[in-house]
Amino acid sequence: MVIGRGGRDLHPERAEEHIAGFTLYNDWTARDHQVVDMAQGIGMAKSKDGAITLGPALVTADELEPLRRDGRLELTASVNGVELTRGSLGQMDWTFGELLAYVSRGADLTPGAVIGSGTVPGGCLLEHVDTPDLGDFARWLRPGDVVSLAGTGLGETRQAVLPATEVVPLRAAA
């Protein structure tokens, strides 16, 4: 969701009034690297700048409302044309209003801020890595894979995974 009107400490029953619209949001967290970085739970940790995909468009809250309220807004995630998950907003554990109320506790929401609502069950690749019945997708993404997210009324995004830049060691091993 994209914030249209700022606020702080929002009430769950009125928080949705602050939403300008909705878009697809793909979090490109490199979990295989994150596991290594956070193994000790101390020391250096690094977040990525801009490791998300938004789009293909911002759909206004009023335009999407009929699909949201009727439960017809379905979402899918696929890799290389193979659907990994399908779900609907009806499966959400929390409403958008409850999510915004939580996020705004002691924090200012500003116009233009993007808030990810979480994943449709099975939509996080991490859930599939140790799942042998998914065949080729029971693994981390690699260069050449094409990831697609689609949502009724929201459109579809498609991105190809590119090879990473070689990492330069910080110092020679002792």
N, C-alpha and C. Protein backbone atom coordinates (compact mmCIF):
# COMPACT_ATOMS: atom_id res chain seq x y z
N MET A 1 0.85 -1.18 0.00
CA MET A 1 0.00 0.00 0.00
C MET A 1 0.89 1.23 0.00
N VAL A 2 0.40 2.30 -0.59
CA VAL A 2 1.14 3.56 -0.65
C VAL A 2 0.35 4.59 0.16
N ILE A 3 1.05 5.26 1.04
CA ILE A 3 0.41 6.23 1.93
C ILE A 3 0.11 7.52 1.15
N GLY A 4 -1.11 8.01 1.31
CA GLY A 4 -1.51 9.26 0.66
C GLY A 4 -1.58 10.42 1.63
N ARG A 5 -1.98 10.12 2.86
CA ARG A 5 -2.10 11.15 3.89
C ARG A 5 -1.33 10.66 5.10
N GLY A 6 -0.42 11.49 5.58
CA GLY A 6 0.41 11.11 6.72
C GLY A 6 -0.38 10.95 8.00
N GLY A 7 0.27 10.37 8.97
CA GLY A 7 -0.35 10.19 10.27
C GLY A 7 0.56 9.44 11.22
N ARG A 8 0.13 9.38 12.45
CA ARG A 8 0.90 8.72 13.51
C ARG A 8 -0.10 8.12 14.50
N ASP A 9 0.23 6.98 15.07
CA ASP A 9 -0.62 6.33 16.07
C ASP A 9 -2.06 6.22 15.56
N LEU A 10 -2.22 5.67 14.38
CA LEU A 10 -3.53 5.58 13.72
C LEU A 10 -4.42 4.54 14.39
N HIS A 11 -5.70 4.78 14.35
CA HIS A 11 -6.70 3.85 14.88
C HIS A 11 -6.98 2.80 13.79
N PRO A 12 -7.02 1.51 14.14
CA PRO A 12 -7.21 0.46 13.13
C PRO A 12 -8.47 0.62 12.28
N GLU A 13 -9.51 1.19 12.85
CA GLU A 13 -10.77 1.33 12.11
C GLU A 13 -10.77 2.51 11.14
N ARG A 14 -9.80 3.42 11.27
CA ARG A 14 -9.75 4.58 10.39
C ARG A 14 -8.44 4.68 9.60
N ALA A 15 -7.52 3.78 9.86
CA ALA A 15 -6.19 3.87 9.25
C ALA A 15 -6.23 3.74 7.74
N GLU A 16 -7.16 2.95 7.19
CA GLU A 16 -7.21 2.78 5.74
C GLU A 16 -7.51 4.09 5.01
N GLU A 17 -8.04 5.08 5.70
CA GLU A 17 -8.29 6.39 5.09
C GLU A 17 -6.99 7.06 4.65
N HIS A 18 -5.86 6.56 5.12
CA HIS A 18 -4.54 7.13 4.80
C HIS A 18 -3.91 6.47 3.58
N ILE A 19 -4.56 5.48 3.00
CA ILE A 19 -4.01 4.76 1.84
C ILE A 19 -4.41 5.46 0.55
N ALA A 20 -3.41 5.81 -0.26
CA ALA A 20 -3.67 6.40 -1.58
C ALA A 20 -3.99 5.31 -2.59
N GLY A 21 -3.25 4.20 -2.49
CA GLY A 21 -3.47 3.12 -3.45
C GLY A 21 -2.61 1.92 -3.15
N PHE A 22 -2.68 0.97 -4.09
CA PHE A 22 -2.01 -0.31 -3.92
C PHE A 22 -1.19 -0.63 -5.16
N THR A 23 -0.15 -1.42 -4.96
CA THR A 23 0.70 -1.88 -6.06
C THR A 23 1.30 -3.22 -5.64
N LEU A 24 1.85 -3.94 -6.58
CA LEU A 24 2.57 -5.17 -6.24
C LEU A 24 3.94 -4.80 -5.67
N TYR A 25 4.42 -5.61 -4.74
CA TYR A 25 5.66 -5.33 -4.02
C TYR A 25 6.43 -6.64 -3.94
N ASN A 26 7.60 -6.68 -4.55
CA ASN A 26 8.43 -7.87 -4.50
C ASN A 26 9.69 -7.53 -3.72
N ASP A 27 9.88 -8.20 -2.59
CA ASP A 27 11.05 -8.03 -1.74
C ASP A 27 12.13 -9.00 -2.23
N TRP A 28 13.26 -8.46 -2.66
CA TRP A 28 14.33 -9.27 -3.22
C TRP A 28 15.39 -9.60 -2.19
N THR A 29 15.02 -9.83 -0.94
CA THR A 29 15.99 -10.18 0.08
C THR A 29 16.73 -11.45 -0.34
N ALA A 30 18.04 -11.37 -0.33
CA ALA A 30 18.87 -12.53 -0.66
C ALA A 30 19.04 -13.36 0.61
N ARG A 31 18.08 -14.24 0.86
CA ARG A 31 18.06 -15.00 2.11
C ARG A 31 19.32 -15.85 2.28
N ASP A 32 19.86 -16.39 1.18
CA ASP A 32 21.07 -17.20 1.31
C ASP A 32 22.23 -16.36 1.85
N HIS A 33 22.33 -15.09 1.47
CA HIS A 33 23.35 -14.20 2.00
C HIS A 33 22.98 -13.72 3.40
N GLN A 34 21.70 -13.46 3.63
CA GLN A 34 21.24 -12.99 4.93
C GLN A 34 21.55 -14.03 6.02
N VAL A 35 21.37 -15.29 5.71
CA VAL A 35 21.64 -16.36 6.68
C VAL A 35 23.11 -16.33 7.10
N VAL A 36 24.01 -16.14 6.14
CA VAL A 36 25.44 -16.08 6.45
C VAL A 36 25.74 -14.83 7.27
N ASP A 37 25.22 -13.67 6.84
CA ASP A 37 25.49 -12.41 7.53
C ASP A 37 24.99 -12.41 8.96
N MET A 38 23.88 -13.07 9.21
CA MET A 38 23.26 -12.99 10.52
C MET A 38 23.50 -14.24 11.38
N ALA A 39 24.38 -15.12 10.94
CA ALA A 39 24.60 -16.39 11.64
C ALA A 39 24.99 -16.18 13.11
N GLN A 40 25.81 -15.18 13.37
CA GLN A 40 26.27 -14.95 14.74
C GLN A 40 25.32 -14.06 15.53
N GLY A 41 24.48 -13.31 14.84
CA GLY A 41 23.55 -12.42 15.53
C GLY A 41 24.20 -11.17 16.08
N ILE A 42 25.50 -10.98 15.79
CA ILE A 42 26.22 -9.78 16.25
C ILE A 42 27.09 -9.29 15.10
N GLY A 43 27.63 -8.11 15.29
CA GLY A 43 28.58 -7.61 14.29
C GLY A 43 27.90 -6.97 13.11
N MET A 44 28.64 -6.88 12.02
CA MET A 44 28.16 -6.17 10.84
C MET A 44 26.94 -6.85 10.24
N ALA A 45 25.98 -6.06 9.89
CA ALA A 45 24.82 -6.53 9.14
C ALA A 45 24.50 -5.44 8.14
N LYS A 46 24.06 -5.80 6.97
CA LYS A 46 23.84 -4.82 5.93
C LYS A 46 22.50 -5.04 5.26
N SER A 47 21.80 -3.98 5.07
CA SER A 47 20.56 -4.03 4.32
C SER A 47 20.85 -3.56 2.90
N LYS A 48 19.99 -3.89 1.98
CA LYS A 48 20.18 -3.48 0.59
C LYS A 48 19.42 -2.19 0.34
N ASP A 49 19.94 -1.37 -0.57
CA ASP A 49 19.16 -0.19 -0.93
C ASP A 49 18.33 -0.51 -2.16
N GLY A 50 17.05 -0.35 -2.03
CA GLY A 50 16.16 -0.51 -3.17
C GLY A 50 16.01 -1.91 -3.70
N ALA A 51 16.12 -2.92 -2.87
CA ALA A 51 15.99 -4.30 -3.34
C ALA A 51 14.52 -4.73 -3.35
N ILE A 52 13.70 -3.92 -4.02
CA ILE A 52 12.29 -4.25 -4.18
C ILE A 52 11.87 -3.91 -5.60
N THR A 53 10.80 -4.54 -6.03
CA THR A 53 10.15 -4.18 -7.28
C THR A 53 8.75 -3.71 -6.93
N LEU A 54 8.36 -2.57 -7.46
CA LEU A 54 7.02 -2.04 -7.29
C LEU A 54 6.36 -1.93 -8.66
N GLY A 55 5.07 -2.19 -8.71
CA GLY A 55 4.40 -1.95 -9.99
C GLY A 55 3.49 -3.08 -10.38
N PRO A 56 3.03 -3.03 -11.60
CA PRO A 56 3.43 -2.13 -12.67
C PRO A 56 2.78 -0.76 -12.58
N ALA A 57 1.79 -0.58 -11.69
CA ALA A 57 1.10 0.70 -11.57
C ALA A 57 0.60 0.87 -10.15
N LEU A 58 0.27 2.11 -9.81
CA LEU A 58 -0.39 2.39 -8.55
C LEU A 58 -1.89 2.45 -8.85
N VAL A 59 -2.64 1.56 -8.19
CA VAL A 59 -4.09 1.51 -8.37
C VAL A 59 -4.71 2.17 -7.15
N THR A 60 -5.56 3.18 -7.38
CA THR A 60 -6.11 3.92 -6.25
C THR A 60 -6.99 3.02 -5.38
N ALA A 61 -7.05 3.37 -4.12
CA ALA A 61 -7.81 2.57 -3.16
C ALA A 61 -9.28 2.44 -3.57
N ASP A 62 -9.89 3.53 -4.06
CA ASP A 62 -11.30 3.45 -4.45
C ASP A 62 -11.50 2.58 -5.69
N GLU A 63 -10.52 2.58 -6.58
CA GLU A 63 -10.61 1.76 -7.79
C GLU A 63 -10.53 0.27 -7.46
N LEU A 64 -9.75 -0.07 -6.44
CA LEU A 64 -9.55 -1.47 -6.08
C LEU A 64 -10.59 -1.97 -5.07
N GLU A 65 -11.32 -1.05 -4.47
CA GLU A 65 -12.25 -1.41 -3.38
C GLU A 65 -13.23 -2.53 -3.72
N PRO A 66 -13.89 -2.53 -4.88
CA PRO A 66 -14.83 -3.62 -5.17
C PRO A 66 -14.16 -5.01 -5.15
N LEU A 67 -12.96 -5.11 -5.67
CA LEU A 67 -12.25 -6.39 -5.66
C LEU A 67 -11.83 -6.78 -4.25
N ARG A 68 -11.42 -5.82 -3.46
CA ARG A 68 -11.00 -6.09 -2.08
C ARG A 68 -12.17 -6.57 -1.25
N ARG A 69 -13.26 -5.86 -1.28
CA ARG A 69 -14.41 -6.17 -0.43
C ARG A 69 -15.11 -7.47 -0.85
N ASP A 70 -15.13 -7.76 -2.14
CA ASP A 70 -15.78 -8.99 -2.63
C ASP A 70 -14.87 -10.21 -2.54
N GLY A 71 -13.63 -10.02 -2.12
CA GLY A 71 -12.69 -11.14 -2.01
C GLY A 71 -12.23 -11.67 -3.35
N ARG A 72 -12.36 -10.87 -4.40
CA ARG A 72 -11.97 -11.32 -5.74
C ARG A 72 -10.54 -10.95 -6.10
N LEU A 73 -9.82 -10.32 -5.20
CA LEU A 73 -8.45 -9.94 -5.51
C LEU A 73 -7.54 -11.12 -5.22
N GLU A 74 -7.10 -11.78 -6.29
CA GLU A 74 -6.19 -12.92 -6.17
C GLU A 74 -4.78 -12.48 -6.52
N LEU A 75 -3.82 -13.13 -5.89
CA LEU A 75 -2.41 -12.85 -6.11
C LEU A 75 -1.68 -14.15 -6.42
N THR A 76 -0.73 -14.08 -7.34
CA THR A 76 0.08 -15.26 -7.66
C THR A 76 1.55 -14.88 -7.71
N ALA A 77 2.39 -15.87 -7.49
CA ALA A 77 3.84 -15.72 -7.66
C ALA A 77 4.32 -16.94 -8.43
N SER A 78 5.16 -16.69 -9.43
CA SER A 78 5.70 -17.80 -10.22
C SER A 78 7.16 -17.55 -10.55
N VAL A 79 7.85 -18.64 -10.83
CA VAL A 79 9.25 -18.59 -11.29
C VAL A 79 9.32 -19.40 -12.57
N ASN A 80 9.85 -18.79 -13.60
CA ASN A 80 10.00 -19.44 -14.91
C ASN A 80 8.67 -20.02 -15.42
N GLY A 81 7.59 -19.32 -15.14
CA GLY A 81 6.27 -19.73 -15.62
C GLY A 81 5.58 -20.78 -14.78
N VAL A 82 6.22 -21.26 -13.74
CA VAL A 82 5.62 -22.26 -12.85
C VAL A 82 5.08 -21.55 -11.62
N GLU A 83 3.76 -21.63 -11.42
CA GLU A 83 3.13 -20.96 -10.29
C GLU A 83 3.54 -21.63 -8.98
N LEU A 84 4.07 -20.82 -8.06
CA LEU A 84 4.45 -21.34 -6.75
C LEU A 84 3.35 -21.15 -5.73
N THR A 85 2.54 -20.12 -5.92
CA THR A 85 1.48 -19.88 -4.95
C THR A 85 0.36 -19.06 -5.58
N ARG A 86 -0.82 -19.22 -5.03
CA ARG A 86 -2.00 -18.45 -5.40
C ARG A 86 -2.78 -18.22 -4.12
N GLY A 87 -3.21 -17.00 -3.91
CA GLY A 87 -3.99 -16.69 -2.72
C GLY A 87 -4.82 -15.45 -2.95
N SER A 88 -5.56 -15.08 -1.92
CA SER A 88 -6.41 -13.89 -2.03
C SER A 88 -6.27 -13.05 -0.78
N LEU A 89 -6.78 -11.83 -0.87
CA LEU A 89 -6.74 -10.95 0.30
C LEU A 89 -7.54 -11.53 1.46
N GLY A 90 -8.49 -12.39 1.15
CA GLY A 90 -9.28 -13.03 2.20
C GLY A 90 -8.44 -13.90 3.14
N GLN A 91 -7.24 -14.25 2.72
CA GLN A 91 -6.36 -15.08 3.55
C GLN A 91 -5.47 -14.26 4.48
N MET A 92 -5.56 -12.95 4.40
CA MET A 92 -4.71 -12.10 5.25
C MET A 92 -5.07 -12.29 6.72
N ASP A 93 -4.04 -12.33 7.56
CA ASP A 93 -4.25 -12.45 8.99
C ASP A 93 -4.70 -11.12 9.60
N TRP A 94 -4.27 -10.01 9.03
CA TRP A 94 -4.55 -8.69 9.54
C TRP A 94 -5.13 -7.84 8.42
N THR A 95 -6.02 -6.92 8.77
CA THR A 95 -6.54 -5.99 7.76
C THR A 95 -5.48 -4.94 7.46
N PHE A 96 -5.65 -4.23 6.35
CA PHE A 96 -4.73 -3.14 6.04
C PHE A 96 -4.78 -2.07 7.14
N GLY A 97 -5.96 -1.82 7.68
CA GLY A 97 -6.09 -0.85 8.77
C GLY A 97 -5.30 -1.27 10.00
N GLU A 98 -5.36 -2.55 10.34
CA GLU A 98 -4.60 -3.04 11.50
C GLU A 98 -3.10 -2.95 11.24
N LEU A 99 -2.68 -3.28 10.01
CA LEU A 99 -1.26 -3.18 9.68
C LEU A 99 -0.76 -1.75 9.81
N LEU A 100 -1.53 -0.80 9.26
CA LEU A 100 -1.12 0.60 9.34
C LEU A 100 -1.13 1.10 10.78
N ALA A 101 -2.11 0.69 11.56
CA ALA A 101 -2.15 1.10 12.97
C ALA A 101 -0.89 0.61 13.69
N TYR A 102 -0.49 -0.61 13.40
CA TYR A 102 0.72 -1.15 14.03
C TYR A 102 1.98 -0.40 13.58
N VAL A 103 2.12 -0.22 12.27
CA VAL A 103 3.30 0.44 11.72
C VAL A 103 3.41 1.88 12.21
N SER A 104 2.27 2.53 12.46
CA SER A 104 2.29 3.95 12.86
C SER A 104 2.46 4.16 14.36
N ARG A 105 2.55 3.08 15.13
CA ARG A 105 2.75 3.24 16.57
C ARG A 105 4.08 3.93 16.84
N GLY A 106 4.02 5.15 17.32
CA GLY A 106 5.24 5.88 17.65
C GLY A 106 6.07 6.26 16.44
N ALA A 107 5.50 6.19 15.25
CA ALA A 107 6.24 6.51 14.02
C ALA A 107 5.34 7.30 13.07
N ASP A 108 5.95 8.25 12.38
CA ASP A 108 5.20 9.04 11.40
C ASP A 108 5.14 8.31 10.07
N LEU A 109 3.93 8.18 9.52
CA LEU A 109 3.76 7.70 8.16
C LEU A 109 3.70 8.94 7.28
N THR A 110 4.47 8.96 6.22
CA THR A 110 4.53 10.14 5.36
C THR A 110 3.95 9.81 3.98
N PRO A 111 3.36 10.80 3.33
CA PRO A 111 2.82 10.58 1.99
C PRO A 111 3.90 10.03 1.06
N GLY A 112 3.53 9.01 0.31
CA GLY A 112 4.46 8.37 -0.60
C GLY A 112 5.16 7.16 -0.02
N ALA A 113 5.09 6.99 1.31
CA ALA A 113 5.71 5.81 1.92
C ALA A 113 5.01 4.55 1.42
N VAL A 114 5.81 3.50 1.22
CA VAL A 114 5.29 2.22 0.75
C VAL A 114 5.38 1.22 1.89
N ILE A 115 4.27 0.57 2.17
CA ILE A 115 4.20 -0.42 3.25
C ILE A 115 3.85 -1.77 2.63
N GLY A 116 4.73 -2.76 2.81
CA GLY A 116 4.45 -4.11 2.33
C GLY A 116 3.59 -4.85 3.34
N SER A 117 2.56 -5.53 2.86
CA SER A 117 1.62 -6.18 3.76
C SER A 117 2.02 -7.60 4.12
N GLY A 118 3.07 -8.11 3.52
CA GLY A 118 3.45 -9.49 3.77
C GLY A 118 3.10 -10.34 2.57
N THR A 119 3.30 -11.61 2.72
CA THR A 119 3.23 -12.53 1.60
C THR A 119 1.97 -13.37 1.63
N VAL A 120 1.43 -13.63 0.45
CA VAL A 120 0.38 -14.64 0.33
C VAL A 120 1.00 -15.95 0.79
N PRO A 121 0.29 -16.79 1.56
CA PRO A 121 0.89 -18.04 2.02
C PRO A 121 1.56 -18.80 0.87
N GLY A 122 2.82 -19.16 1.07
CA GLY A 122 3.59 -19.87 0.05
C GLY A 122 4.28 -18.94 -0.93
N GLY A 123 4.14 -17.62 -0.76
CA GLY A 123 4.70 -16.67 -1.70
C GLY A 123 6.14 -16.30 -1.45
N CYS A 124 6.70 -16.73 -0.34
CA CYS A 124 8.10 -16.45 -0.03
C CYS A 124 8.93 -17.64 -0.48
N LEU A 125 9.91 -17.40 -1.32
CA LEU A 125 10.72 -18.50 -1.84
C LEU A 125 11.38 -19.30 -0.72
N LEU A 126 11.66 -18.64 0.40
CA LEU A 126 12.25 -19.33 1.54
C LEU A 126 11.39 -20.52 1.99
N GLU A 127 10.06 -20.41 1.81
CA GLU A 127 9.15 -21.50 2.19
C GLU A 127 9.32 -22.73 1.29
N HIS A 128 9.95 -22.55 0.13
CA HIS A 128 10.05 -23.63 -0.84
C HIS A 128 11.43 -24.27 -0.93
N VAL A 129 12.44 -23.65 -0.33
CA VAL A 129 13.81 -24.12 -0.50
C VAL A 129 13.98 -25.56 -0.04
N ASP A 130 13.34 -25.95 1.02
CA ASP A 130 13.47 -27.33 1.52
C ASP A 130 12.23 -28.17 1.19
N THR A 131 11.56 -27.86 0.09
CA THR A 131 10.34 -28.56 -0.31
C THR A 131 10.61 -29.34 -1.59
N PRO A 132 10.98 -30.62 -1.48
CA PRO A 132 11.38 -31.38 -2.65
C PRO A 132 10.30 -31.55 -3.72
N ASP A 133 9.01 -31.47 -3.37
CA ASP A 133 7.96 -31.69 -4.35
C ASP A 133 7.86 -30.55 -5.37
N LEU A 134 8.58 -29.45 -5.14
CA LEU A 134 8.57 -28.35 -6.10
C LEU A 134 9.67 -28.51 -7.15
N GLY A 135 10.37 -29.63 -7.11
CA GLY A 135 11.36 -29.91 -8.14
C GLY A 135 12.42 -28.84 -8.25
N ASP A 136 12.52 -28.24 -9.44
CA ASP A 136 13.58 -27.29 -9.74
C ASP A 136 13.52 -26.03 -8.87
N PHE A 137 12.39 -25.72 -8.26
CA PHE A 137 12.29 -24.49 -7.50
C PHE A 137 12.51 -24.69 -6.02
N ALA A 138 12.93 -25.87 -5.63
CA ALA A 138 13.29 -26.12 -4.24
C ALA A 138 14.76 -25.69 -4.07
N ARG A 139 15.04 -24.44 -4.49
CA ARG A 139 16.40 -23.91 -4.48
C ARG A 139 16.33 -22.39 -4.45
N TRP A 140 17.49 -21.76 -4.27
CA TRP A 140 17.56 -20.32 -4.37
C TRP A 140 17.47 -19.91 -5.83
N LEU A 141 17.06 -18.67 -6.06
CA LEU A 141 17.04 -18.15 -7.43
C LEU A 141 18.46 -18.06 -7.96
N ARG A 142 18.58 -18.16 -9.29
CA ARG A 142 19.89 -18.01 -9.92
C ARG A 142 19.75 -17.23 -11.21
N PRO A 143 20.85 -16.72 -11.73
CA PRO A 143 20.78 -15.93 -12.96
C PRO A 143 20.00 -16.65 -14.06
N GLY A 144 19.14 -15.88 -14.72
CA GLY A 144 18.30 -16.41 -15.78
C GLY A 144 16.88 -16.72 -15.35
N ASP A 145 16.66 -16.94 -14.06
CA ASP A 145 15.29 -17.18 -13.58
C ASP A 145 14.45 -15.92 -13.80
N VAL A 146 13.18 -16.13 -14.13
CA VAL A 146 12.24 -15.02 -14.30
C VAL A 146 11.16 -15.15 -13.23
N VAL A 147 11.04 -14.10 -12.42
CA VAL A 147 10.09 -14.07 -11.31
C VAL A 147 8.93 -13.16 -11.71
N SER A 148 7.71 -13.65 -11.46
CA SER A 148 6.52 -12.89 -11.82
C SER A 148 5.57 -12.84 -10.63
N LEU A 149 5.05 -11.64 -10.37
CA LEU A 149 3.97 -11.45 -9.42
C LEU A 149 2.79 -10.90 -10.20
N ALA A 150 1.58 -11.36 -9.87
CA ALA A 150 0.39 -10.86 -10.55
C ALA A 150 -0.73 -10.73 -9.53
N GLY A 151 -1.58 -9.73 -9.76
CA GLY A 151 -2.71 -9.51 -8.89
C GLY A 151 -3.90 -9.00 -9.68
N THR A 152 -5.07 -9.55 -9.39
CA THR A 152 -6.30 -9.10 -10.04
C THR A 152 -6.45 -7.59 -9.83
N GLY A 153 -6.56 -6.84 -10.90
CA GLY A 153 -6.71 -5.40 -10.81
C GLY A 153 -5.40 -4.65 -10.61
N LEU A 154 -4.33 -5.37 -10.34
CA LEU A 154 -3.03 -4.73 -10.09
C LEU A 154 -2.05 -4.91 -11.25
N GLY A 155 -2.26 -5.92 -12.08
CA GLY A 155 -1.36 -6.17 -13.19
C GLY A 155 -0.34 -7.25 -12.86
N GLU A 156 0.80 -7.18 -13.54
CA GLU A 156 1.84 -8.20 -13.38
C GLU A 156 3.22 -7.58 -13.52
N THR A 157 4.14 -8.06 -12.70
CA THR A 157 5.55 -7.69 -12.83
C THR A 157 6.33 -8.93 -13.23
N ARG A 158 7.39 -8.73 -14.01
CA ARG A 158 8.28 -9.82 -14.42
C ARG A 158 9.70 -9.29 -14.41
N GLN A 159 10.56 -9.98 -13.68
CA GLN A 159 11.97 -9.59 -13.63
C GLN A 159 12.84 -10.81 -13.82
N ALA A 160 13.90 -10.63 -14.59
CA ALA A 160 14.91 -11.68 -14.76
C ALA A 160 16.01 -11.45 -13.73
N VAL A 161 16.46 -12.54 -13.13
CA VAL A 161 17.55 -12.48 -12.17
C VAL A 161 18.86 -12.39 -12.96
N LEU A 162 19.67 -11.41 -12.61
CA LEU A 162 20.96 -11.19 -13.28
C LEU A 162 22.10 -11.66 -12.40
N PRO A 163 23.25 -11.97 -12.99
CA PRO A 163 24.40 -12.37 -12.17
C PRO A 163 24.83 -11.22 -11.25
N ALA A 164 25.28 -11.57 -10.09
CA ALA A 164 25.75 -10.57 -9.12
C ALA A 164 27.15 -10.12 -9.48
N THR A 165 27.48 -8.94 -9.02
CA THR A 165 28.84 -8.43 -9.14
C THR A 165 29.72 -9.21 -8.17
N GLU A 166 30.94 -9.52 -8.60
CA GLU A 166 31.87 -10.22 -7.70
C GLU A 166 32.13 -9.37 -6.47
N VAL A 167 32.15 -10.01 -5.32
CA VAL A 167 32.41 -9.32 -4.06
C VAL A 167 33.93 -9.25 -3.84
N VAL A 168 34.43 -8.05 -3.56
CA VAL A 168 35.85 -7.86 -3.26
C VAL A 168 36.05 -8.09 -1.77
N PRO A 169 36.96 -9.01 -1.40
CA PRO A 169 37.18 -9.26 0.03
C PRO A 169 37.63 -7.99 0.75
N LEU A 170 37.22 -7.84 1.99
CA LEU A 170 37.61 -6.68 2.78
C LEU A 170 39.09 -6.74 3.16
N ARG A 171 39.62 -7.93 3.40
CA ARG A 171 41.03 -8.12 3.71
C ARG A 171 41.41 -9.56 3.43
N ALA A 172 42.67 -9.81 3.28
CA ALA A 172 43.13 -11.18 3.02
C ALA A 172 42.92 -12.02 4.27
N ALA A 173 42.57 -13.29 4.03
CA ALA A 173 42.38 -14.21 5.16
C ALA A 173 43.69 -14.42 5.88
N ALA A 174 43.61 -14.49 7.20
CA ALA A 174 44.83 -14.66 8.02
C ALA A 174 45.25 -16.10 8.08
